[in-house]
Structures are given as structure tokens and as C-alpha cells.
Amino acid sequence: MRGLWAFISPELSDRDVAVRCLADSFVRDAAGRLIRLDAYLGELDWRSMSDDMLETVLRRFVFRETDAGVHRLHLGQDPQLVGTIAKVKDAVSVHDQLVLSRRADGFWVEDREVSRAGLEPVPLEFLEGRLRESSAHSLASLIQEVALVLRNQSLFRREIPLWALTLVLRVALRQADPPRWELEPDVSNNPGPGSL
């Protein structure tokens, strides 16, 4: 996720964004225990896990807490991210193979076909790797690539949180040759920053 954090806001370093997103995860109680981590691990028999499995479990915790942190940024602490999410949301809503669904934990981008129940959602690293291989250089062409990746892979559910998709697209647009600093086309009437 390191590469993604840098693009939440150009004024923030990776460390600043990580601290913002994960700060509440390291709140301690009077006894010095990490409240959220203790609650998360308390649901699991982590002492009997292999090192690899425990690392995977802790990565999931970090991703979950980062998700919550990005939602906090989305809810007003980072107006630039809000504008970028709005542009991606609008671009997805007019795409014929994707649908935007609202859930209790936020908006999700899904393939219009039935998703695979029981599987994990598409990880950010997986989608970022696929888009890195792409020759797409605009928001519309990247959204088309996302639709193809979701539909043609069989390892994960055909869905990704909107905030995560936005971060991946920002990275892809920044790495495009030539770099595209704007999310185009703007299919909305949303006010908001036009640049990343």
C-alpha cells in the first residue's frame, strides 16, 4: 500500500497518511493494551498460527484499519480526495459493465455479473499490478481495464471498495506515460478539484 498512500494528498508524505489512517488503531487502555488490535486478535487463535499466517492476519488488520482511516479522510478531512472519489464514482456509474453499490461500510464497485460469494474482494495490490501492465492513460480507459480485470479473474470476488479503486487509479494516472494529472473526462457537474 505504500505507493497508494502518497497519492491521497500531495501535501502528505506516506508516513503522514499512514499515521492519520492508523492512529486510532494504537490507542491503549489503562492497562496498556492496544484496544483494537486486542479485540481483533481476541477473535482468533493467533498463538497457534504459523508466522506466515499471523503476518497475513496482521496485514488484514492494517488494511481494515486503513480502510476506516481513508473513510475518515473521505468524510471531510481531505477535500481533494472527496473530489477525486466523486469523479471516479461518476465515471463508474456511466460504465456499462460496472455497478456502484452502497453498503454499510461505504460504496463498492462491482461487476454487473454475479459476484463470487465466499471469496475475498480483489486486493489493491492485485488490481494495481494489472493496471501497471496496462497501456491505458485516461480515467475512462482505466475504468474499462478495471471492468476487464474484475470480470476475467477467478481468484477473488468481482468487487473493490470505491476508495481503494480511487487510490489505485490515482497511482495509475500518475505513472502513465505521459503522466495524466487529471481524472478525465469529468462526466459530472460536481464541483471539486480537477487535479490529483
Protein backbone atom coordinates (compact mmCIF):
# COMPACT_ATOMS: atom_id res chain seq x y z
CA MET A 1 0.00 0.00 0.00
CA ARG A 2 2.99 2.33 0.36
CA GLY A 3 2.68 3.57 -3.20
CA LEU A 4 -1.02 4.29 -2.79
CA TRP A 5 -0.76 6.40 0.34
CA ALA A 6 1.40 9.04 -1.31
CA PHE A 7 -1.47 9.97 -3.62
CA ILE A 8 -4.18 10.55 -1.03
CA SER A 9 -2.91 14.11 -0.84
CA PRO A 10 0.21 15.51 -2.50
CA GLU A 11 0.94 17.59 0.61
CA LEU A 12 1.19 14.49 2.81
CA SER A 13 4.05 12.03 2.94
CA ASP A 14 3.40 8.28 3.10
CA ARG A 15 4.18 8.43 6.81
CA ASP A 16 1.70 11.27 7.43
CA VAL A 17 -1.13 9.42 5.70
CA ALA A 18 -0.28 6.14 7.42
CA VAL A 19 -0.30 7.85 10.80
CA ARG A 20 -3.63 9.51 10.02
CA CYS A 21 -5.22 6.25 8.90
CA LEU A 22 -3.83 4.01 11.62
CA ALA A 23 -3.65 6.35 14.62
CA ASP A 24 -6.83 5.12 16.29
CA SER A 25 -5.63 1.52 15.94
CA PHE A 26 -2.92 2.12 18.51
CA VAL A 27 -4.98 3.66 21.30
CA ARG A 28 -4.17 1.94 24.60
CA ASP A 29 -6.40 1.29 27.57
CA ALA A 30 -5.40 1.93 31.21
CA ALA A 31 -3.58 -1.43 31.32
CA GLY A 32 -1.51 -0.53 28.25
CA ARG A 33 -3.21 -2.97 25.86
CA LEU A 34 -3.85 -1.95 22.26
CA ILE A 35 -7.65 -1.92 22.33
CA ARG A 36 -8.45 -2.51 18.63
CA LEU A 37 -5.62 -4.95 17.97
CA ASP A 38 -6.50 -6.90 21.11
CA ALA A 39 -10.17 -7.04 20.07
CA TYR A 40 -9.22 -8.16 16.55
CA LEU A 41 -6.80 -10.87 17.69
CA GLY A 42 -9.12 -11.89 20.53
CA GLU A 43 -11.48 -13.35 17.92
CA LEU A 44 -8.69 -15.58 16.57
CA ASP A 45 -6.47 -18.33 17.94
CA TRP A 46 -3.39 -16.39 16.87
CA ARG A 47 -0.97 -18.12 19.25
CA SER A 48 -1.29 -21.37 17.30
CA MET A 49 -0.80 -19.73 13.87
CA SER A 50 2.33 -20.05 11.81
CA ASP A 51 4.41 -16.91 11.34
CA ASP A 52 3.19 -16.61 7.74
CA MET A 53 -0.45 -16.90 8.76
CA LEU A 54 -0.02 -14.41 11.60
CA GLU A 55 1.62 -11.97 9.19
CA THR A 56 -1.37 -12.36 6.85
CA VAL A 57 -3.79 -11.77 9.72
CA LEU A 58 -1.92 -8.63 10.80
CA ARG A 59 -1.85 -7.34 7.22
CA ARG A 60 -5.63 -7.76 7.09
CA PHE A 61 -5.90 -5.77 10.31
CA VAL A 62 -3.78 -2.97 8.83
CA PHE A 63 -5.85 -2.96 5.62
CA ARG A 64 -9.10 -2.88 7.60
CA GLU A 65 -7.88 -0.03 9.79
CA THR A 66 -6.52 1.82 6.77
CA ASP A 67 -9.91 1.43 5.10
CA ALA A 68 -11.53 3.03 8.14
CA GLY A 69 -8.89 5.79 8.11
CA VAL A 70 -9.44 6.56 4.45
CA HIS A 71 -13.17 6.77 5.12
CA ARG A 72 -12.40 9.37 7.80
CA LEU A 73 -10.32 11.31 5.28
CA HIS A 74 -13.12 10.92 2.75
CA LEU A 75 -15.66 12.33 5.19
CA GLY A 76 -14.17 15.78 5.17
CA GLN A 77 -10.60 15.85 6.37
CA ASP A 78 -9.25 15.66 2.81
CA PRO A 79 -11.46 17.61 0.37
CA GLN A 80 -9.16 16.75 -2.54
CA LEU A 81 -9.78 13.03 -2.03
CA VAL A 82 -13.52 13.68 -1.81
CA GLY A 83 -13.43 15.41 -5.23
CA THR A 84 -11.38 12.61 -6.75
CA ILE A 85 -13.70 9.93 -5.37
CA ALA A 86 -16.66 11.85 -6.82
CA LYS A 87 -15.07 11.82 -10.30
CA VAL A 88 -14.34 8.09 -10.12
CA LYS A 89 -17.85 7.45 -8.79
CA ASP A 90 -19.35 9.34 -11.73
CA ALA A 91 -17.15 7.52 -14.26
CA VAL A 92 -18.11 4.13 -12.81
CA SER A 93 -21.82 4.99 -12.73
CA VAL A 94 -21.91 5.52 -16.51
CA HIS A 95 -19.92 2.36 -17.32
CA ASP A 96 -21.98 -0.45 -18.84
CA GLN A 97 -20.12 -3.36 -17.14
CA LEU A 98 -19.81 -1.92 -13.63
CA VAL A 99 -22.28 -1.03 -10.94
CA LEU A 100 -21.85 1.11 -7.83
CA SER A 101 -23.47 -0.28 -4.70
CA ARG A 102 -23.86 1.39 -1.33
CA ARG A 103 -23.28 -0.76 1.74
CA ALA A 104 -22.97 -0.06 5.43
CA ASP A 105 -19.18 0.18 5.03
CA GLY A 106 -19.28 2.55 2.04
CA PHE A 107 -19.54 2.39 -1.74
CA TRP A 108 -18.31 -0.63 -3.69
CA VAL A 109 -17.60 -1.02 -7.40
CA GLU A 110 -18.85 -4.37 -8.70
CA ASP A 111 -19.04 -6.25 -11.95
CA ARG A 112 -22.65 -6.32 -13.20
CA GLU A 113 -22.50 -10.12 -13.31
CA VAL A 114 -22.98 -12.09 -10.11
CA SER A 115 -20.06 -11.81 -7.71
CA ARG A 116 -18.40 -14.89 -6.24
CA ALA A 117 -19.71 -15.38 -2.71
CA GLY A 118 -17.28 -16.57 -0.07
CA LEU A 119 -14.17 -15.13 -1.68
CA GLU A 120 -12.19 -12.08 -0.61
CA PRO A 121 -12.64 -8.83 -2.58
CA VAL A 122 -9.97 -8.00 -5.14
CA PRO A 123 -6.84 -6.85 -3.23
CA LEU A 124 -5.39 -3.45 -4.03
CA GLU A 125 -2.02 -4.95 -4.96
CA PHE A 126 -3.62 -7.31 -7.48
CA LEU A 127 -5.53 -4.55 -9.25
CA GLU A 128 -2.59 -2.14 -9.09
CA GLY A 129 -0.32 -4.77 -10.69
CA ARG A 130 -2.79 -5.40 -13.50
CA LEU A 131 -3.22 -1.68 -14.21
CA ARG A 132 0.55 -1.18 -14.16
CA GLU A 133 0.75 -3.58 -17.13
CA SER A 134 -1.96 -1.64 -18.97
CA SER A 135 -1.40 0.91 -21.70
CA ALA A 136 -4.48 2.90 -20.59
CA HIS A 137 -3.80 6.60 -19.95
CA SER A 138 -7.16 8.18 -19.10
CA LEU A 139 -9.79 7.63 -16.46
CA ALA A 140 -12.25 6.17 -18.98
CA SER A 141 -9.73 3.68 -20.37
CA LEU A 142 -8.56 2.71 -16.88
CA ILE A 143 -12.16 2.12 -15.77
CA GLN A 144 -12.55 -0.19 -18.80
CA GLU A 145 -9.39 -2.06 -17.70
CA VAL A 146 -10.81 -2.39 -14.18
CA ALA A 147 -14.02 -3.88 -15.62
CA LEU A 148 -11.99 -6.42 -17.59
CA VAL A 149 -9.82 -7.35 -14.60
CA LEU A 150 -12.86 -7.84 -12.35
CA ARG A 151 -14.67 -9.94 -14.93
CA ASN A 152 -11.77 -12.09 -16.13
CA GLN A 153 -10.11 -13.05 -12.84
CA SER A 154 -11.37 -16.01 -10.82
CA LEU A 155 -9.42 -15.74 -7.55
CA PHE A 156 -11.47 -13.00 -5.88
CA ARG A 157 -14.95 -11.52 -5.71
CA ARG A 158 -15.65 -9.17 -8.58
CA GLU A 159 -15.69 -6.06 -6.43
CA ILE A 160 -13.49 -3.43 -4.82
CA PRO A 161 -14.24 -0.57 -2.40
CA LEU A 162 -14.66 2.75 -4.19
CA TRP A 163 -11.99 4.44 -2.05
CA ALA A 164 -9.49 1.67 -2.91
CA LEU A 165 -10.27 1.89 -6.62
CA THR A 166 -9.76 5.66 -6.45
CA LEU A 167 -6.32 5.28 -4.89
CA VAL A 168 -5.28 2.65 -7.44
CA LEU A 169 -6.48 4.85 -10.32
CA ARG A 170 -4.59 7.85 -8.95
CA VAL A 171 -1.40 5.78 -8.92
CA ALA A 172 -2.04 4.52 -12.46
CA LEU A 173 -2.73 8.01 -13.78
CA ARG A 174 0.40 9.39 -12.11
CA GLN A 175 2.51 6.61 -13.65
CA ALA A 176 1.03 6.95 -17.14
CA ASP A 177 3.37 7.87 -19.96
CA PRO A 178 2.89 10.76 -20.42
CA PRO A 179 1.59 11.40 -16.89
CA ARG A 180 -2.08 12.39 -16.70
CA TRP A 181 -2.57 14.65 -13.73
CA GLU A 182 -6.31 14.99 -14.15
CA LEU A 183 -9.09 12.49 -13.89
CA GLU A 184 -10.79 12.87 -17.25
CA PRO A 185 -13.35 13.08 -18.60
CA ASP A 186 -15.38 14.89 -15.99
CA VAL A 187 -18.80 13.37 -16.57
CA SER A 188 -20.30 15.12 -13.59
CA ASN A 189 -21.30 18.58 -12.58
CA ASN A 190 -19.55 18.02 -9.28
CA PRO A 191 -17.52 20.92 -8.05
CA GLY A 192 -14.16 19.86 -6.80
CA PRO A 193 -10.57 19.85 -7.74
CA GLY A 194 -9.82 18.71 -11.25
CA SER A 195 -6.29 17.65 -10.48
CA LEU A 196 -4.90 14.84 -8.48
